[in-house]
Protein backbone atom coordinates (compact mmCIF):
# COMPACT_ATOMS: atom_id res chain seq x y z
CA LEU A 1 -30.92 -10.64 56.46
CA LYS A 2 -32.38 -9.11 53.34
CA PRO A 3 -30.74 -9.79 49.98
CA PRO A 4 -29.33 -6.68 48.27
CA PRO A 5 -31.71 -4.95 45.86
CA ASP A 6 -31.53 -5.91 42.21
CA ARG A 7 -29.56 -3.00 40.80
CA ALA A 8 -30.31 -3.86 37.18
CA SER A 9 -34.03 -3.21 37.66
CA THR A 10 -33.58 -0.04 39.73
CA SER A 11 -30.88 1.63 37.63
CA PRO A 12 -32.36 4.31 35.36
CA SER A 13 -29.55 3.88 32.84
CA ALA A 14 -30.15 0.14 32.52
CA ALA A 15 -33.70 0.71 31.32
CA ALA A 16 -32.75 3.42 28.83
CA THR A 17 -29.63 1.88 27.33
CA VAL A 18 -28.93 2.96 23.77
CA ASP A 19 -26.45 1.08 21.62
CA ASN A 20 -24.02 3.68 20.28
CA THR A 21 -21.62 1.07 18.93
CA PRO A 22 -20.24 2.22 15.59
CA ALA A 23 -20.80 0.07 12.54
CA PRO A 24 -18.08 -2.54 12.02
CA VAL A 25 -15.10 -1.18 10.11
CA LYS A 26 -13.31 -3.26 7.52
CA PRO A 27 -10.14 -4.42 9.29
CA GLN A 28 -6.96 -3.07 7.78
CA LYS A 29 -4.06 -5.31 6.95
CA GLY A 30 -0.62 -4.26 7.97
CA TYR A 31 2.15 -4.64 10.48
CA TYR A 32 2.92 -3.64 14.04
CA HIS A 33 6.19 -1.86 14.71
CA ILE A 34 7.77 -1.20 18.10
CA VAL A 35 9.59 2.13 18.02
CA ALA A 36 13.29 1.94 18.87
CA SER A 37 15.17 4.79 20.52
CA GLY A 38 15.97 7.51 17.98
CA GLU A 39 13.54 6.30 15.31
CA THR A 40 11.39 8.79 13.44
CA LEU A 41 8.36 8.20 11.23
CA THR A 42 10.54 9.01 8.23
CA LEU A 43 13.09 6.32 9.16
CA ILE A 44 10.35 3.77 9.90
CA CYS A 45 8.62 4.57 6.61
CA ALA A 46 11.89 4.20 4.68
CA ALA A 47 12.63 0.84 6.31
CA TYR A 48 9.21 -0.55 5.36
CA ARG A 49 9.54 0.82 1.82
CA GLU A 50 12.89 -1.00 1.47
CA ASN A 51 10.98 -4.18 2.27
CA GLY A 52 8.29 -3.60 -0.35
CA VAL A 53 5.64 -1.90 1.80
CA ASN A 54 4.87 1.35 -0.03
CA VAL A 55 3.53 3.27 2.95
CA THR A 56 3.80 7.01 3.53
CA VAL A 57 4.49 8.94 6.72
CA SER A 58 1.03 10.47 6.43
CA GLU A 59 -0.61 6.99 6.23
CA ILE A 60 1.27 5.89 9.37
CA ARG A 61 0.20 9.08 11.16
CA LYS A 62 -3.44 8.59 10.15
CA ALA A 63 -3.48 4.90 11.16
CA ASN A 64 -2.17 5.77 14.62
CA GLY A 65 -3.98 9.05 15.33
CA LEU A 66 -0.72 11.01 15.28
CA THR A 67 -0.23 14.65 14.33
CA GLU A 68 2.81 16.39 12.87
CA LYS A 69 3.72 17.45 16.41
CA SER A 70 3.42 13.96 17.92
CA VAL A 71 6.63 12.67 19.48
CA LEU A 72 7.49 8.98 19.18
CA LYS A 73 8.67 7.17 22.29
CA ALA A 74 10.90 4.10 22.46
CA GLY A 75 8.69 1.06 23.02
CA GLN A 76 5.62 2.68 21.45
CA LYS A 77 3.60 0.31 19.25
CA LEU A 78 2.66 1.65 15.82
CA PHE A 79 0.38 0.11 13.21
CA ILE A 80 1.89 0.25 9.73
CA PRO A 81 -0.95 -0.08 7.22
CA LYS A 82 -0.38 -2.16 4.11
CA PRO A 83 -1.56 0.06 1.23
CA GLY A 84 -4.15 -1.34 -1.12
CA THR A 85 -5.93 -3.46 1.51
């Protein structure tokens, strides 16, 4: 029996690999929030503000790649950025 060919040396993409990894981004500080049934970004934002986290709906949208038309789902995990970090 012949051993299988070495795919790493015969693969054209292996020889021409380019590192397209983006530069490291400064990690943001903040909190993770699991959306409960019926919650909106406005309610979530208000709850964090009551606890001293001065975050805006627009900051939450931006941190999570959401648009104005995005619909939250119960169980969805959101990142709540801590402003000023």
